[in-house]
Amino acid sequence: MSVSDGETSTNIAKAYSMVRRLSSANPDIVVLPELWCCGYKGEYGSDDSRLALNAMYRFSGITGGLVVGSIPWVENGEAYNKAVAVYKGRMVGEYSKIHLFEPFKEHEIFKPGENPSIIKYKGFKIGLAVCYDLRFPELIREYSLHGADIVIAPSAWGKPRLNQWRNITTAQAAVNQVYLLAVNRVGGGSLGEEFAGHSVFIDPWGDRIVEAGVGEAIIIGWVEKERVAEARGRIPILDDYMKSRKKYRKIKFYEAG
């Protein structure tokens, strides 16, 4: 979806309309983009957090499934860019963005998170990330090593870096053998940069199940737990990684810096 920076009621109404359209498909998981409720603005308040979270509770009630999206989260006077997962009227998962994107001045607005987060839902383990986190291989690898089947990444990735978006999302899914649901904002905004769109759903082999374009769209894909096991069984990347890390630990091969 496109997002109007600072226009919370407008964005919530748009998201509500799109979720209503999607509800006929009975989705198990709905993913919204980064800061879908209000976009980028100078500062955030507790009302932003409350309105966004209540809207996501409503969306979950409409679809009957899990709803994930990034919202501004204000706590003890500090703002976080937080991916939240809600289901049946309660928050079942949360993750504060660890890697803040300085070109968008995120480091001046948000406090970075410190901990990865995996939630369990309908037999799947789901890791949460936000946009710029995708450029850091350690986080997604951490999720896959802890048994994640899916990584969900609400995003607001700029159009000038579209080719990098497509390459990085493909690589993260393939080398970590996870499903990657990376949902990206479209359109323009107050930052003076167009957003890339191309929300994408990639399987554990690095194959695109479905990909959107540069405009607003609803895309749907299916997850099969067996496909994760198949990929990891046929090419044991994670097992070999752990063996290599143990073998070479004496020369600090995996502990550079």
Protein backbone atom coordinates (compact mmCIF):
# COMPACT_ATOMS: atom_id res chain seq x y z
CA MET A 1 0.00 0.00 0.00
CA SER A 2 0.97 3.63 -0.37
CA VAL A 3 1.22 5.55 2.90
CA SER A 4 0.42 9.21 3.58
CA ASP A 5 3.07 10.41 6.05
CA GLY A 6 1.44 11.74 9.21
CA GLU A 7 -2.12 10.91 8.09
CA THR A 8 -2.99 8.09 10.48
CA SER A 9 -6.76 8.01 9.92
CA THR A 10 -6.30 7.99 6.12
CA ASN A 11 -3.85 5.11 6.25
CA ILE A 12 -5.94 3.05 8.65
CA ALA A 13 -9.00 3.50 6.42
CA LYS A 14 -7.03 2.40 3.36
CA ALA A 15 -5.59 -0.64 5.14
CA TYR A 16 -9.06 -1.55 6.41
CA SER A 17 -10.42 -1.46 2.86
CA MET A 18 -7.63 -3.69 1.56
CA VAL A 19 -8.00 -6.17 4.41
CA ARG A 20 -11.74 -6.35 3.77
CA ARG A 21 -11.03 -7.21 0.13
CA LEU A 22 -8.56 -9.86 1.21
CA SER A 23 -10.82 -11.44 3.83
CA SER A 24 -12.75 -13.49 1.25
CA ALA A 25 -9.57 -15.53 0.72
CA ASN A 26 -9.55 -16.49 4.44
CA PRO A 27 -5.84 -15.71 4.88
CA ASP A 28 -3.94 -17.28 7.77
CA ILE A 29 -1.43 -14.41 7.78
CA VAL A 30 -1.78 -10.81 6.59
CA VAL A 31 1.33 -8.62 6.33
CA LEU A 32 1.36 -4.82 6.13
CA PRO A 33 4.37 -2.64 5.21
CA GLU A 34 6.71 -0.71 7.50
CA LEU A 35 5.07 2.13 9.46
CA TRP A 36 1.89 1.45 7.48
CA CYS A 37 -0.26 3.50 9.85
CA CYS A 38 1.46 6.88 9.72
CA GLY A 39 4.67 6.70 7.73
CA TYR A 40 7.65 8.87 8.59
CA LYS A 41 7.22 12.03 10.65
CA GLY A 42 9.32 13.99 13.11
CA GLU A 43 8.05 12.42 16.29
CA TYR A 44 5.53 9.87 17.48
CA GLY A 45 3.20 9.68 20.47
CA SER A 46 1.36 7.01 22.39
CA ASP A 47 -1.79 7.74 20.35
CA ASP A 48 0.03 6.54 17.22
CA SER A 49 0.81 3.23 18.92
CA ARG A 50 -2.72 2.82 20.30
CA LEU A 51 -4.55 3.63 17.07
CA ALA A 52 -2.32 1.35 14.99
CA LEU A 53 -2.53 -1.58 17.38
CA ASN A 54 -6.30 -1.30 17.76
CA ALA A 55 -6.65 -1.24 13.97
CA MET A 56 -4.56 -4.41 13.69
CA TYR A 57 -6.78 -6.10 16.29
CA ARG A 58 -9.73 -5.16 14.11
CA PHE A 59 -8.04 -6.52 10.97
CA SER A 60 -7.32 -9.81 12.74
CA GLY A 61 -10.97 -10.02 13.72
CA ILE A 62 -12.01 -9.54 10.09
CA THR A 63 -9.71 -12.23 8.69
CA GLY A 64 -9.57 -14.57 11.68
CA GLY A 65 -5.80 -14.87 11.19
CA LEU A 66 -2.46 -13.42 12.22
CA VAL A 67 -1.76 -9.81 11.23
CA VAL A 68 1.82 -8.47 11.12
CA GLY A 69 3.00 -4.94 10.45
CA SER A 70 5.49 -2.32 11.62
CA ILE A 71 4.16 0.50 13.80
CA PRO A 72 5.71 3.29 15.91
CA TRP A 73 5.82 2.08 19.49
CA VAL A 74 6.24 4.64 22.26
CA GLU A 75 7.32 3.36 25.66
CA ASN A 76 8.80 5.30 28.60
CA GLY A 77 9.29 8.32 26.35
CA GLU A 78 11.25 6.33 23.74
CA ALA A 79 9.98 5.49 20.23
CA TYR A 80 10.72 2.18 18.52
CA ASN A 81 10.04 0.98 15.00
CA LYS A 82 8.32 -2.22 16.06
CA ALA A 83 6.99 -5.16 14.07
CA VAL A 84 4.00 -6.53 15.94
CA ALA A 85 1.99 -9.69 15.36
CA VAL A 86 -1.60 -9.83 16.59
CA TYR A 87 -4.07 -12.70 16.72
CA LYS A 88 -7.53 -12.99 18.25
CA GLY A 89 -7.44 -9.67 20.04
CA ARG A 90 -3.98 -9.88 21.56
CA MET A 91 -0.35 -9.25 20.66
CA VAL A 92 1.44 -12.57 20.18
CA GLY A 93 4.80 -11.28 18.99
CA GLU A 94 6.90 -8.13 18.79
CA TYR A 95 10.28 -7.13 17.45
CA SER A 96 11.93 -3.70 17.58
CA LYS A 97 14.01 -2.89 14.51
CA ILE A 98 17.67 -3.39 15.40
CA HIS A 99 19.28 -1.81 12.34
CA LEU A 100 18.04 1.75 11.84
CA PHE A 101 18.39 3.36 8.41
CA GLU A 102 20.37 6.57 8.87
CA PRO A 103 19.65 8.02 5.38
CA PHE A 104 15.99 8.28 6.53
CA LYS A 105 17.13 9.75 9.91
CA GLU A 106 15.65 6.77 11.74
CA HIS A 107 18.47 6.91 14.30
CA GLU A 108 17.30 10.38 15.30
CA ILE A 109 13.70 9.26 15.84
CA PHE A 110 13.80 5.67 17.04
CA LYS A 111 15.74 3.74 19.62
CA PRO A 112 17.20 0.51 18.20
CA GLY A 113 15.94 -2.84 19.40
CA GLU A 114 18.26 -5.41 20.92
CA ASN A 115 16.69 -8.85 20.52
CA PRO A 116 15.52 -11.10 17.68
CA SER A 117 12.01 -12.52 18.00
CA ILE A 118 10.46 -15.80 16.88
CA ILE A 119 6.77 -16.57 17.32
CA LYS A 120 4.89 -19.84 16.91
CA TYR A 121 1.73 -19.95 14.85
CA LYS A 122 -0.20 -22.93 13.47
CA GLY A 123 2.84 -25.21 13.67
CA PHE A 124 5.23 -22.71 12.07
CA LYS A 125 8.06 -20.71 13.60
CA ILE A 126 8.12 -17.13 12.30
CA GLY A 127 11.01 -14.68 12.67
CA LEU A 128 10.31 -10.94 12.55
CA ALA A 129 12.48 -8.32 10.83
CA VAL A 130 11.97 -4.79 9.47
CA CYS A 131 13.28 -3.51 6.12
CA TYR A 132 16.96 -2.51 6.58
CA ASP A 133 17.45 -5.59 8.78
CA LEU A 134 17.43 -7.61 5.54
CA ARG A 135 20.88 -6.23 4.68
CA PHE A 136 22.37 -7.91 7.74
CA PRO A 137 22.83 -11.65 7.17
CA GLU A 138 23.39 -12.46 10.84
CA LEU A 139 19.80 -11.77 11.89
CA ILE A 140 18.09 -13.98 9.31
CA ARG A 141 20.71 -16.70 9.83
CA GLU A 142 19.99 -16.55 13.57
CA TYR A 143 16.32 -17.17 12.83
CA SER A 144 16.99 -20.13 10.55
CA LEU A 145 19.41 -21.69 13.05
CA HIS A 146 16.63 -21.52 15.64
CA GLY A 147 14.24 -23.37 13.37
CA ALA A 148 12.28 -20.54 11.74
CA ASP A 149 10.24 -21.64 8.73
CA ILE A 150 9.18 -18.12 7.75
CA VAL A 151 10.67 -14.64 8.09
CA ILE A 152 8.31 -11.68 7.76
CA ALA A 153 9.78 -8.27 6.96
CA PRO A 154 7.50 -5.20 6.71
CA SER A 155 9.48 -2.67 4.68
CA ALA A 156 9.74 0.86 3.26
CA TRP A 157 12.56 0.33 0.76
CA GLY A 158 13.43 3.09 -1.69
CA LYS A 159 12.91 2.72 -5.43
CA PRO A 160 16.52 3.74 -6.30
CA ARG A 161 17.59 0.51 -4.58
CA LEU A 162 15.03 -1.79 -6.19
CA ASN A 163 17.62 -4.08 -7.75
CA GLN A 164 19.28 -4.53 -4.36
CA TRP A 165 15.88 -5.29 -2.81
CA ARG A 166 15.24 -8.06 -5.30
CA ASN A 167 18.72 -9.55 -4.96
CA ILE A 168 18.87 -9.38 -1.17
CA THR A 169 15.42 -10.84 -0.55
CA THR A 170 16.16 -13.73 -2.90
CA ALA A 171 19.53 -14.40 -1.29
CA GLN A 172 18.23 -14.26 2.27
CA ALA A 173 15.51 -16.82 1.52
CA ALA A 174 17.83 -19.15 -0.40
CA VAL A 175 20.89 -19.18 1.87
CA ASN A 176 18.80 -19.48 5.03
CA GLN A 177 16.24 -21.87 3.51
CA VAL A 178 13.20 -20.00 4.81
CA TYR A 179 10.06 -18.56 3.32
CA LEU A 180 10.47 -14.79 3.15
CA LEU A 181 7.44 -12.49 3.13
CA ALA A 182 8.85 -9.02 2.45
CA VAL A 183 6.04 -6.47 2.11
CA ASN A 184 7.14 -3.09 0.83
CA ARG A 185 5.57 0.36 0.73
CA VAL A 186 4.75 1.96 -2.65
CA GLY A 187 4.37 5.56 -3.84
CA GLY A 188 6.02 8.73 -2.64
CA GLY A 189 6.29 10.47 0.70
CA SER A 190 7.66 13.34 2.72
CA LEU A 191 11.22 11.98 2.51
CA GLY A 192 11.39 12.98 -1.15
CA GLU A 193 11.96 9.43 -2.36
CA GLU A 194 9.72 6.99 -4.17
CA PHE A 195 9.31 3.59 -2.58
CA ALA A 196 10.06 0.48 -4.58
CA GLY A 197 7.03 -1.72 -4.03
CA HIS A 198 7.69 -5.20 -5.42
CA SER A 199 6.45 -6.91 -2.29
CA VAL A 200 7.58 -10.48 -2.64
CA PHE A 201 6.90 -13.96 -1.32
CA ILE A 202 9.93 -16.24 -1.78
CA ASP A 203 10.26 -19.95 -0.99
CA PRO A 204 13.20 -21.73 0.74
CA TRP A 205 14.85 -22.44 -2.63
CA GLY A 206 14.95 -18.74 -3.48
CA ASP A 207 12.12 -19.03 -6.01
CA ARG A 208 9.52 -16.26 -6.15
CA ILE A 209 6.05 -17.58 -5.41
CA VAL A 210 4.51 -14.23 -6.23
CA GLU A 211 5.74 -10.65 -6.59
CA ALA A 212 3.88 -7.35 -6.79
CA GLY A 213 4.74 -4.38 -8.98
CA VAL A 214 5.29 -0.72 -8.17
CA GLY A 215 1.63 0.06 -7.41
CA GLU A 216 -0.80 -0.89 -4.67
CA ALA A 217 -1.73 -4.55 -4.78
CA ILE A 218 -2.82 -7.56 -2.78
CA ILE A 219 -0.75 -10.68 -3.38
CA ILE A 220 -1.39 -14.16 -2.02
CA GLY A 221 0.90 -17.16 -1.60
CA TRP A 222 0.94 -20.51 0.18
CA VAL A 223 3.42 -21.90 2.69
CA GLU A 224 4.21 -25.61 2.92
CA LYS A 225 6.25 -26.73 5.90
CA GLU A 226 7.42 -29.77 3.94
CA ARG A 227 9.18 -27.50 1.44
CA VAL A 228 11.38 -26.08 4.18
CA ALA A 229 12.33 -29.59 5.31
CA GLU A 230 12.97 -30.63 1.70
CA ALA A 231 15.34 -27.72 1.06
CA ARG A 232 17.26 -28.25 4.28
CA GLY A 233 17.40 -32.00 3.77
CA ARG A 234 18.70 -31.93 0.21
CA ILE A 235 21.27 -29.17 0.79
CA PRO A 236 22.22 -29.10 4.50
CA ILE A 237 23.45 -25.49 4.60
CA LEU A 238 22.64 -24.95 8.26
CA ASP A 239 24.23 -28.21 9.42
CA ASP A 240 27.36 -27.48 7.40
CA TYR A 241 27.47 -23.94 8.73
CA MET A 242 27.46 -25.21 12.31
CA LYS A 243 30.14 -27.79 11.54
CA SER A 244 32.32 -25.11 9.92
CA ARG A 245 31.83 -22.69 12.77
CA LYS A 246 32.91 -25.35 15.24
CA LYS A 247 35.86 -26.48 13.09
CA TYR A 248 37.27 -23.01 12.49
CA ARG A 249 36.49 -21.36 15.79
CA LYS A 250 40.16 -21.55 16.85
CA ILE A 251 41.15 -19.13 14.09
CA LYS A 252 38.13 -16.91 14.74
CA PHE A 253 36.90 -17.42 11.17
CA TYR A 254 33.29 -16.74 12.20
CA GLU A 255 34.09 -14.04 14.74
CA ALA A 256 35.67 -11.31 12.61
CA GLY A 257 35.67 -7.89 14.22
